[in-house]
Amino acid sequence: MEKTIDLKKTTKEELFDLFRMLPSSNDHYILKENDNFLAAIIAQADYEKYLLHRQAEAQIGLEKFLEKIHPRVDPNISDEDLEAEIVDAIHEMRGVK
């Protein structure tokens, strides 16, 4: 369950009590001050699931990118030369010489 915590109306002790209970609850906390979003607080297990999900999405994105670019890569280029071209392209995009 998601709960919104207004920091203007919450004491430090109440806040620390919420944090202490977090590992044993399914609650997520949205911290706000003056109706402005400050942070989201979630249990470590939920954060780890989030990281795994992000990693899986990144892997899928990389695989799609590689499938798209693979036909355009010269099969006769060495790994070292290909890597050097990639580094040069990255530097060019970033404006690094």
PDB file of N, CA and C in Angstrom:
ATOM      1  N   MET A   1       0.846  -1.178   0.000  1.00  0.00           N
ATOM      2  CA  MET A   1       0.000   0.000   0.000  1.00  0.00           C
ATOM      3  C   MET A   1       0.892   1.243   0.000  1.00  0.00           C
ATOM      4  N   GLU A   2       0.469   2.230  -0.740  1.00  0.00           N
ATOM      5  CA  GLU A   2       1.230   3.473  -0.804  1.00  0.00           C
ATOM      6  C   GLU A   2       0.641   4.490   0.168  1.00  0.00           C
ATOM      7  N   LYS A   3       1.518   5.101   0.925  1.00  0.00           N
ATOM      8  CA  LYS A   3       1.101   6.123   1.883  1.00  0.00           C
ATOM      9  C   LYS A   3       1.889   7.389   1.617  1.00  0.00           C
ATOM     10  N   THR A   4       1.211   8.514   1.683  1.00  0.00           N
ATOM     11  CA  THR A   4       1.874   9.797   1.506  1.00  0.00           C
ATOM     12  C   THR A   4       2.170  10.385   2.879  1.00  0.00           C
ATOM     13  N   ILE A   5       3.390  10.822   3.055  1.00  0.00           N
ATOM     14  CA  ILE A   5       3.828  11.401   4.324  1.00  0.00           C
ATOM     15  C   ILE A   5       4.146  12.874   4.084  1.00  0.00           C
ATOM     16  N   ASP A   6       3.463  13.725   4.814  1.00  0.00           N
ATOM     17  CA  ASP A   6       3.748  15.163   4.753  1.00  0.00           C
ATOM     18  C   ASP A   6       4.783  15.459   5.826  1.00  0.00           C
ATOM     19  N   LEU A   7       5.962  15.835   5.408  1.00  0.00           N
ATOM     20  CA  LEU A   7       7.042  16.047   6.366  1.00  0.00           C
ATOM     21  C   LEU A   7       6.784  17.214   7.311  1.00  0.00           C
ATOM     22  N   LYS A   8       5.954  18.135   6.893  1.00  0.00           N
ATOM     23  CA  LYS A   8       5.616  19.264   7.778  1.00  0.00           C
ATOM     24  C   LYS A   8       4.748  18.818   8.956  1.00  0.00           C
ATOM     25  N   LYS A   9       4.028  17.698   8.769  1.00  0.00           N
ATOM     26  CA  LYS A   9       3.102  17.238   9.798  1.00  0.00           C
ATOM     27  C   LYS A   9       3.581  15.968  10.499  1.00  0.00           C
ATOM     28  N   THR A  10       4.809  15.555  10.212  1.00  0.00           N
ATOM     29  CA  THR A  10       5.331  14.306  10.760  1.00  0.00           C
ATOM     30  C   THR A  10       6.578  14.591  11.585  1.00  0.00           C
ATOM     31  N   THR A  11       6.616  14.021  12.775  1.00  0.00           N
ATOM     32  CA  THR A  11       7.800  14.206  13.620  1.00  0.00           C
ATOM     33  C   THR A  11       8.902  13.244  13.161  1.00  0.00           C
ATOM     34  N   LYS A  12      10.116  13.543  13.559  1.00  0.00           N
ATOM     35  CA  LYS A  12      11.236  12.666  13.231  1.00  0.00           C
ATOM     36  C   LYS A  12      11.015  11.277  13.812  1.00  0.00           C
ATOM     37  N   GLU A  13      10.488  11.233  15.016  1.00  0.00           N
ATOM     38  CA  GLU A  13      10.255   9.943  15.664  1.00  0.00           C
ATOM     39  C   GLU A  13       9.243   9.120  14.870  1.00  0.00           C
ATOM     40  N   GLU A  14       8.161   9.758  14.422  1.00  0.00           N
ATOM     41  CA  GLU A  14       7.161   9.047  13.619  1.00  0.00           C
ATOM     42  C   GLU A  14       7.772   8.544  12.308  1.00  0.00           C
ATOM     43  N   LEU A  15       8.604   9.355  11.712  1.00  0.00           N
ATOM     44  CA  LEU A  15       9.251   8.986  10.461  1.00  0.00           C
ATOM     45  C   LEU A  15      10.178   7.786  10.663  1.00  0.00           C
ATOM     46  N   PHE A  16      10.982   7.821  11.714  1.00  0.00           N
ATOM     47  CA  PHE A  16      11.875   6.700  11.988  1.00  0.00           C
ATOM     48  C   PHE A  16      11.093   5.431  12.315  1.00  0.00           C
ATOM     49  N   ASP A  17       9.955   5.560  12.996  1.00  0.00           N
ATOM     50  CA  ASP A  17       9.108   4.398  13.265  1.00  0.00           C
ATOM     51  C   ASP A  17       8.606   3.785  11.956  1.00  0.00           C
ATOM     52  N   LEU A  18       8.224   4.630  11.005  1.00  0.00           N
ATOM     53  CA  LEU A  18       7.779   4.130   9.701  1.00  0.00           C
ATOM     54  C   LEU A  18       8.906   3.377   9.002  1.00  0.00           C
ATOM     55  N   PHE A  19      10.093   3.925   9.057  1.00  0.00           N
ATOM     56  CA  PHE A  19      11.239   3.284   8.414  1.00  0.00           C
ATOM     57  C   PHE A  19      11.550   1.937   9.060  1.00  0.00           C
ATOM     58  N   ARG A  20      11.434   1.871  10.378  1.00  0.00           N
ATOM     59  CA  ARG A  20      11.717   0.627  11.086  1.00  0.00           C
ATOM     60  C   ARG A  20      10.701  -0.460  10.722  1.00  0.00           C
ATOM     61  N   MET A  21       9.466  -0.077  10.463  1.00  0.00           N
ATOM     62  CA  MET A  21       8.412  -1.036  10.126  1.00  0.00           C
ATOM     63  C   MET A  21       8.451  -1.439   8.652  1.00  0.00           C
ATOM     64  N   LEU A  22       9.139  -0.694   7.836  1.00  0.00           N
ATOM     65  CA  LEU A  22       9.131  -0.910   6.395  1.00  0.00           C
ATOM     66  C   LEU A  22       9.489  -2.337   5.974  1.00  0.00           C
ATOM     67  N   PRO A  23      10.541  -2.944   6.517  1.00  0.00           N
ATOM     68  CA  PRO A  23      10.887  -4.302   6.062  1.00  0.00           C
ATOM     69  C   PRO A  23       9.798  -5.343   6.321  1.00  0.00           C
ATOM     70  N   SER A  24       8.966  -5.132   7.313  1.00  0.00           N
ATOM     71  CA  SER A  24       7.938  -6.116   7.640  1.00  0.00           C
ATOM     72  C   SER A  24       6.565  -5.754   7.074  1.00  0.00           C
ATOM     73  N   SER A  25       6.504  -4.714   6.250  1.00  0.00           N
ATOM     74  CA  SER A  25       5.219  -4.324   5.668  1.00  0.00           C
ATOM     75  C   SER A  25       5.335  -4.267   4.156  1.00  0.00           C
ATOM     76  N   ASN A  26       4.219  -4.145   3.500  1.00  0.00           N
ATOM     77  CA  ASN A  26       4.203  -3.979   2.050  1.00  0.00           C
ATOM     78  C   ASN A  26       3.983  -2.520   1.675  1.00  0.00           C
ATOM     79  N   ASP A  27       4.167  -1.634   2.630  1.00  0.00           N
ATOM     80  CA  ASP A  27       3.895  -0.223   2.396  1.00  0.00           C
ATOM     81  C   ASP A  27       5.035   0.453   1.653  1.00  0.00           C
ATOM     82  N   HIS A  28       4.660   1.440   0.868  1.00  0.00           N
ATOM     83  CA  HIS A  28       5.608   2.338   0.214  1.00  0.00           C
ATOM     84  C   HIS A  28       5.231   3.743   0.657  1.00  0.00           C
ATOM     85  N   TYR A  29       6.216   4.573   0.841  1.00  0.00           N
ATOM     86  CA  TYR A  29       5.951   5.918   1.334  1.00  0.00           C
ATOM     87  C   TYR A  29       6.392   6.956   0.310  1.00  0.00           C
ATOM     88  N   ILE A  30       5.527   7.919   0.104  1.00  0.00           N
ATOM     89  CA  ILE A  30       5.834   9.067  -0.733  1.00  0.00           C
ATOM     90  C   ILE A  30       6.040  10.234   0.224  1.00  0.00           C
ATOM     91  N   LEU A  31       7.227  10.800   0.203  1.00  0.00           N
ATOM     92  CA  LEU A  31       7.530  11.929   1.080  1.00  0.00           C
ATOM     93  C   LEU A  31       7.279  13.228   0.328  1.00  0.00           C
ATOM     94  N   LYS A  32       6.478  14.079   0.941  1.00  0.00           N
ATOM     95  CA  LYS A  32       6.172  15.376   0.354  1.00  0.00           C
ATOM     96  C   LYS A  32       6.373  16.466   1.385  1.00  0.00           C
ATOM     97  N   GLU A  33       6.629  17.658   0.866  1.00  0.00           N
ATOM     98  CA  GLU A  33       6.730  18.834   1.706  1.00  0.00           C
ATOM     99  C   GLU A  33       6.150  19.986   0.903  1.00  0.00           C
ATOM    100  N   ASN A  34       5.164  20.664   1.478  1.00  0.00           N
ATOM    101  CA  ASN A  34       4.472  21.755   0.782  1.00  0.00           C
ATOM    102  C   ASN A  34       3.931  21.286  -0.571  1.00  0.00           C
ATOM    103  N   ASP A  35       3.345  20.098  -0.588  1.00  0.00           N
ATOM    104  CA  ASP A  35       2.778  19.486  -1.790  1.00  0.00           C
ATOM    105  C   ASP A  35       3.804  19.214  -2.882  1.00  0.00           C
ATOM    106  N   ASN A  36       5.081  19.247  -2.556  1.00  0.00           N
ATOM    107  CA  ASN A  36       6.136  18.926  -3.513  1.00  0.00           C
ATOM    108  C   ASN A  36       6.678  17.538  -3.216  1.00  0.00           C
ATOM    109  N   PHE A  37       6.767  16.708  -4.241  1.00  0.00           N
ATOM    110  CA  PHE A  37       7.329  15.376  -4.109  1.00  0.00           C
ATOM    111  C   PHE A  37       8.812  15.479  -3.773  1.00  0.00           C
ATOM    112  N   LEU A  38       9.244  14.751  -2.742  1.00  0.00           N
ATOM    113  CA  LEU A  38      10.655  14.747  -2.366  1.00  0.00           C
ATOM    114  C   LEU A  38      11.316  13.405  -2.643  1.00  0.00           C
ATOM    115  N   ALA A  39      10.623  12.326  -2.287  1.00  0.00           N
ATOM    116  CA  ALA A  39      11.238  11.009  -2.431  1.00  0.00           C
ATOM    117  C   ALA A  39      10.190   9.918  -2.269  1.00  0.00           C
ATOM    118  N   ALA A  40      10.575   8.741  -2.707  1.00  0.00           N
ATOM    119  CA  ALA A  40       9.772   7.546  -2.472  1.00  0.00           C
ATOM    120  C   ALA A  40      10.617   6.593  -1.641  1.00  0.00           C
ATOM    121  N   ILE A  41      10.021   6.016  -0.629  1.00  0.00           N
ATOM    122  CA  ILE A  41      10.719   5.085   0.246  1.00  0.00           C
ATOM    123  C   ILE A  41      10.077   3.713   0.054  1.00  0.00           C
ATOM    124  N   ILE A  42      10.916   2.718  -0.296  1.00  0.00           N
ATOM    125  CA  ILE A  42      10.419   1.360  -0.482  1.00  0.00           C
ATOM    126  C   ILE A  42      11.340   0.405   0.263  1.00  0.00           C
ATOM    127  N   ALA A  43      10.850  -0.780   0.532  1.00  0.00           N
ATOM    128  CA  ALA A  43      11.642  -1.792   1.223  1.00  0.00           C
ATOM    129  C   ALA A  43      12.789  -2.246   0.325  1.00  0.00           C
ATOM    130  N   GLN A  44      13.861  -2.717   0.937  1.00  0.00           N
ATOM    131  CA  GLN A  44      15.031  -3.141   0.180  1.00  0.00           C
ATOM    132  C   GLN A  44      14.685  -4.261  -0.796  1.00  0.00           C
ATOM    133  N   ALA A  45      13.841  -5.195  -0.392  1.00  0.00           N
ATOM    134  CA  ALA A  45      13.461  -6.298  -1.278  1.00  0.00           C
ATOM    135  C   ALA A  45      12.763  -5.761  -2.530  1.00  0.00           C
ATOM    136  N   ASP A  46      11.902  -4.772  -2.356  1.00  0.00           N
ATOM    137  CA  ASP A  46      11.226  -4.172  -3.509  1.00  0.00           C
ATOM    138  C   ASP A  46      12.219  -3.422  -4.390  1.00  0.00           C
ATOM    139  N   TYR A  47      13.187  -2.768  -3.777  1.00  0.00           N
ATOM    140  CA  TYR A  47      14.208  -2.062  -4.539  1.00  0.00           C
ATOM    141  C   TYR A  47      15.042  -3.053  -5.359  1.00  0.00           C
ATOM    142  N   GLU A  48      15.382  -4.182  -4.760  1.00  0.00           N
ATOM    143  CA  GLU A  48      16.152  -5.196  -5.475  1.00  0.00           C
ATOM    144  C   GLU A  48      15.358  -5.757  -6.654  1.00  0.00           C
ATOM    145  N   LYS A  49      14.042  -5.959  -6.477  1.00  0.00           N
ATOM    146  CA  LYS A  49      13.188  -6.394  -7.588  1.00  0.00           C
ATOM    147  C   LYS A  49      13.182  -5.334  -8.690  1.00  0.00           C
ATOM    148  N   TYR A  50      13.104  -4.081  -8.291  1.00  0.00           N
ATOM    149  CA  TYR A  50      13.139  -2.978  -9.251  1.00  0.00           C
ATOM    150  C   TYR A  50      14.444  -2.995 -10.042  1.00  0.00           C
ATOM    151  N   LEU A  51      15.563  -3.183  -9.372  1.00  0.00           N
ATOM    152  CA  LEU A  51      16.855  -3.226 -10.054  1.00  0.00           C
ATOM    153  C   LEU A  51      16.930  -4.385 -11.039  1.00  0.00           C
ATOM    154  N   LEU A  52      16.427  -5.556 -10.638  1.00  0.00           N
ATOM    155  CA  LEU A  52      16.419  -6.708 -11.540  1.00  0.00           C
ATOM    156  C   LEU A  52      15.560  -6.435 -12.765  1.00  0.00           C
ATOM    157  N   HIS A  53      14.432  -5.785 -12.548  1.00  0.00           N
ATOM    158  CA  HIS A  53      13.541  -5.432 -13.657  1.00  0.00           C
ATOM    159  C   HIS A  53      14.235  -4.469 -14.616  1.00  0.00           C
ATOM    160  N   ARG A  54      14.895  -3.450 -14.068  1.00  0.00           N
ATOM    161  CA  ARG A  54      15.629  -2.488 -14.908  1.00  0.00           C
ATOM    162  C   ARG A  54      16.743  -3.180 -15.679  1.00  0.00           C
ATOM    163  N   GLN A  55      17.437  -4.100 -15.018  1.00  0.00           N
ATOM    164  CA  GLN A  55      18.521  -4.828 -15.672  1.00  0.00           C
ATOM    165  C   GLN A  55      17.968  -5.679 -16.818  1.00  0.00           C
ATOM    166  N   ALA A  56      16.834  -6.336 -16.600  1.00  0.00           N
ATOM    167  CA  ALA A  56      16.218  -7.150 -17.652  1.00  0.00           C
ATOM    168  C   ALA A  56      15.792  -6.274 -18.830  1.00  0.00           C
ATOM    169  N   GLU A  57      15.219  -5.108 -18.537  1.00  0.00           N
ATOM    170  CA  GLU A  57      14.833  -4.180 -19.609  1.00  0.00           C
ATOM    171  C   GLU A  57      16.054  -3.719 -20.392  1.00  0.00           C
ATOM    172  N   ALA A  58      17.130  -3.425 -19.700  1.00  0.00           N
ATOM    173  CA  ALA A  58      18.361  -2.987 -20.371  1.00  0.00           C
ATOM    174  C   ALA A  58      18.908  -4.101 -21.254  1.00  0.00           C
ATOM    175  N   GLN A  59      18.865  -5.319 -20.772  1.00  0.00           N
ATOM    176  CA  GLN A  59      19.343  -6.463 -21.556  1.00  0.00           C
ATOM    177  C   GLN A  59      18.523  -6.625 -22.824  1.00  0.00           C
ATOM    178  N   ILE A  60      17.209  -6.506 -22.703  1.00  0.00           N
ATOM    179  CA  ILE A  60      16.332  -6.618 -23.875  1.00  0.00           C
ATOM    180  C   ILE A  60      16.636  -5.500 -24.864  1.00  0.00           C
ATOM    181  N   GLY A  61      16.828  -4.291 -24.363  1.00  0.00           N
ATOM    182  CA  GLY A  61      17.169  -3.162 -25.224  1.00  0.00           C
ATOM    183  C   GLY A  61      18.485  -3.374 -25.948  1.00  0.00           C
ATOM    184  N   LEU A  62      19.469  -3.893 -25.237  1.00  0.00           N
ATOM    185  CA  LEU A  62      20.767  -4.165 -25.847  1.00  0.00           C
ATOM    186  C   LEU A  62      20.646  -5.233 -26.929  1.00  0.00           C
ATOM    187  N   GLU A  63      19.898  -6.285 -26.642  1.00  0.00           N
ATOM    188  CA  GLU A  63      19.715  -7.350 -27.626  1.00  0.00           C
ATOM    189  C   GLU A  63      19.019  -6.824 -28.878  1.00  0.00           C
ATOM    190  N   LYS A  64      18.003  -5.986 -28.712  1.00  0.00           N
ATOM    191  CA  LYS A  64      17.315  -5.398 -29.871  1.00  0.00           C
ATOM    192  C   LYS A  64      18.269  -4.513 -30.672  1.00  0.00           C
ATOM    193  N   PHE A  65      19.080  -3.736 -29.976  1.00  0.00           N
ATOM    194  CA  PHE A  65      20.053  -2.874 -30.644  1.00  0.00           C
ATOM    195  C   PHE A  65      21.052  -3.713 -31.441  1.00  0.00           C
ATOM    196  N   LEU A  66      21.555  -4.776 -30.817  1.00  0.00           N
ATOM    197  CA  LEU A  66      22.532  -5.622 -31.491  1.00  0.00           C
ATOM    198  C   LEU A  66      21.930  -6.326 -32.709  1.00  0.00           C
ATOM    199  N   GLU A  67      20.664  -6.759 -32.592  1.00  0.00           N
ATOM    200  CA  GLU A  67      19.989  -7.370 -33.733  1.00  0.00           C
ATOM    201  C   GLU A  67      19.870  -6.374 -34.892  1.00  0.00           C
ATOM    202  N   LYS A  68      19.624  -5.124 -34.551  1.00  0.00           N
ATOM    203  CA  LYS A  68      19.460  -4.082 -35.573  1.00  0.00           C
ATOM    204  C   LYS A  68      20.795  -3.733 -36.227  1.00  0.00           C
ATOM    205  N   ILE A  69      21.843  -3.661 -35.441  1.00  0.00           N
ATOM    206  CA  ILE A  69      23.126  -3.183 -35.962  1.00  0.00           C
ATOM    207  C   ILE A  69      23.981  -4.312 -36.547  1.00  0.00           C
ATOM    208  N   HIS A  70      23.751  -5.533 -36.119  1.00  0.00           N
ATOM    209  CA  HIS A  70      24.595  -6.648 -36.551  1.00  0.00           C
ATOM    210  C   HIS A  70      24.717  -6.763 -38.076  1.00  0.00           C
ATOM    211  N   PRO A  71      23.635  -6.656 -38.835  1.00  0.00           N
ATOM    212  CA  PRO A  71      23.775  -6.765 -40.291  1.00  0.00           C
ATOM    213  C   PRO A  71      24.618  -5.640 -40.909  1.00  0.00           C
ATOM    214  N   ARG A  72      24.793  -4.541 -40.205  1.00  0.00           N
ATOM    215  CA  ARG A  72      25.538  -3.401 -40.746  1.00  0.00           C
ATOM    216  C   ARG A  72      27.024  -3.442 -40.407  1.00  0.00           C
ATOM    217  N   VAL A  73      27.451  -4.412 -39.614  1.00  0.00           N
ATOM    218  CA  VAL A  73      28.853  -4.500 -39.203  1.00  0.00           C
ATOM    219  C   VAL A  73      29.611  -5.365 -40.209  1.00  0.00           C
ATOM    220  N   ASP A  74      30.744  -4.848 -40.665  1.00  0.00           N
ATOM    221  CA  ASP A  74      31.616  -5.584 -41.590  1.00  0.00           C
ATOM    222  C   ASP A  74      32.138  -6.828 -40.882  1.00  0.00           C
ATOM    223  N   PRO A  75      31.850  -8.023 -41.400  1.00  0.00           N
ATOM    224  CA  PRO A  75      32.292  -9.247 -40.717  1.00  0.00           C
ATOM    225  C   PRO A  75      33.807  -9.429 -40.743  1.00  0.00           C
ATOM    226  N   ASN A  76      34.498  -8.668 -41.574  1.00  0.00           N
ATOM    227  CA  ASN A  76      35.951  -8.818 -41.684  1.00  0.00           C
ATOM    228  C   ASN A  76      36.718  -7.904 -40.729  1.00  0.00           C
ATOM    229  N   ILE A  77      36.027  -7.025 -40.013  1.00  0.00           N
ATOM    230  CA  ILE A  77      36.708  -6.105 -39.102  1.00  0.00           C
ATOM    231  C   ILE A  77      37.074  -6.838 -37.812  1.00  0.00           C
ATOM    232  N   SER A  78      38.257  -6.557 -37.308  1.00  0.00           N
ATOM    233  CA  SER A  78      38.691  -7.208 -36.060  1.00  0.00           C
ATOM    234  C   SER A  78      37.933  -6.598 -34.873  1.00  0.00           C
ATOM    235  N   ASP A  79      37.871  -7.358 -33.802  1.00  0.00           N
ATOM    236  CA  ASP A  79      37.202  -6.865 -32.586  1.00  0.00           C
ATOM    237  C   ASP A  79      37.853  -5.577 -32.091  1.00  0.00           C
ATOM    238  N   GLU A  80      39.165  -5.508 -32.170  1.00  0.00           N
ATOM    239  CA  GLU A  80      39.890  -4.326 -31.693  1.00  0.00           C
ATOM    240  C   GLU A  80      39.543  -3.095 -32.535  1.00  0.00           C
ATOM    241  N   ASP A  81      39.515  -3.279 -33.858  1.00  0.00           N
ATOM    242  CA  ASP A  81      39.179  -2.153 -34.739  1.00  0.00           C
ATOM    243  C   ASP A  81      37.729  -1.713 -34.536  1.00  0.00           C
ATOM    244  N   LEU A  82      36.841  -2.684 -34.368  1.00  0.00           N
ATOM    245  CA  LEU A  82      35.435  -2.359 -34.136  1.00  0.00           C
ATOM    246  C   LEU A  82      35.280  -1.585 -32.829  1.00  0.00           C
ATOM    247  N   GLU A  83      35.962  -2.042 -31.791  1.00  0.00           N
ATOM    248  CA  GLU A  83      35.902  -1.350 -30.502  1.00  0.00           C
ATOM    249  C   GLU A  83      36.442   0.071 -30.627  1.00  0.00           C
ATOM    250  N   ALA A  84      37.526   0.246 -31.371  1.00  0.00           N
ATOM    251  CA  ALA A  84      38.104   1.581 -31.563  1.00  0.00           C
ATOM    252  C   ALA A  84      37.113   2.499 -32.297  1.00  0.00           C
ATOM    253  N   GLU A  85      36.411   1.958 -33.280  1.00  0.00           N
ATOM    254  CA  GLU A  85      35.411   2.760 -33.994  1.00  0.00           C
ATOM    255  C   GLU A  85      34.266   3.156 -33.080  1.00  0.00           C
ATOM    256  N   ILE A  86      33.860   2.247 -32.224  1.00  0.00           N
ATOM    257  CA  ILE A  86      32.774   2.540 -31.275  1.00  0.00           C
ATOM    258  C   ILE A  86      33.206   3.646 -30.317  1.00  0.00           C
ATOM    259  N   VAL A  87      34.412   3.538 -29.788  1.00  0.00           N
ATOM    260  CA  VAL A  87      34.928   4.556 -28.865  1.00  0.00           C
ATOM    261  C   VAL A  87      35.013   5.904 -29.574  1.00  0.00           C
ATOM    262  N   ASP A  88      35.499   5.914 -30.821  1.00  0.00           N
ATOM    263  CA  ASP A  88      35.575   7.165 -31.584  1.00  0.00           C
ATOM    264  C   ASP A  88      34.193   7.766 -31.789  1.00  0.00           C
ATOM    265  N   ALA A  89      33.201   6.922 -32.093  1.00  0.00           N
ATOM    266  CA  ALA A  89      31.837   7.414 -32.315  1.00  0.00           C
ATOM    267  C   ALA A  89      31.255   8.003 -31.037  1.00  0.00           C
ATOM    268  N   ILE A  90      31.522   7.351 -29.924  1.00  0.00           N
ATOM    269  CA  ILE A  90      31.038   7.862 -28.635  1.00  0.00           C
ATOM    270  C   ILE A  90      31.673   9.215 -28.344  1.00  0.00           C
ATOM    271  N   HIS A  91      32.968   9.314 -28.543  1.00  0.00           N
ATOM    272  CA  HIS A  91      33.661  10.586 -28.296  1.00  0.00           C
ATOM    273  C   HIS A  91      33.149  11.684 -29.227  1.00  0.00           C
ATOM    274  N   GLU A  92      32.883  11.308 -30.473  1.00  0.00           N
ATOM    275  CA  GLU A  92      32.354  12.301 -31.420  1.00  0.00           C
ATOM    276  C   GLU A  92      30.980  12.802 -30.969  1.00  0.00           C
ATOM    277  N   MET A  93      30.132  11.892 -30.508  1.00  0.00           N
ATOM    278  CA  MET A  93      28.804  12.290 -30.048  1.00  0.00           C
ATOM    279  C   MET A  93      28.876  13.177 -28.813  1.00  0.00           C
ATOM    280  N   ARG A  94      29.829  12.924 -27.949  1.00  0.00           N
ATOM    281  CA  ARG A  94      29.979  13.699 -26.720  1.00  0.00           C
ATOM    282  C   ARG A  94      30.806  14.970 -26.921  1.00  0.00           C
ATOM    283  N   GLY A  95      31.376  15.125 -28.096  1.00  0.00           N
ATOM    284  CA  GLY A  95      32.186  16.294 -28.360  1.00  0.00           C
ATOM    285  C   GLY A  95      33.569  16.209 -27.745  1.00  0.00           C
ATOM    286  N   VAL A  96      34.026  14.977 -27.477  1.00  0.00           N
ATOM    287  CA  VAL A  96      35.350  14.758 -26.902  1.00  0.00           C
ATOM    288  C   VAL A  96      36.318  14.471 -28.030  1.00  0.00           C
ATOM    289  N   LYS A  97      37.511  15.030 -27.913  1.00  0.00           N
ATOM    290  CA  LYS A  97      38.512  14.767 -28.955  1.00  0.00           C
ATOM    291  C   LYS A  97      39.568  13.822 -28.475  1.00  0.00           C
TER     292      LYS A  97
END
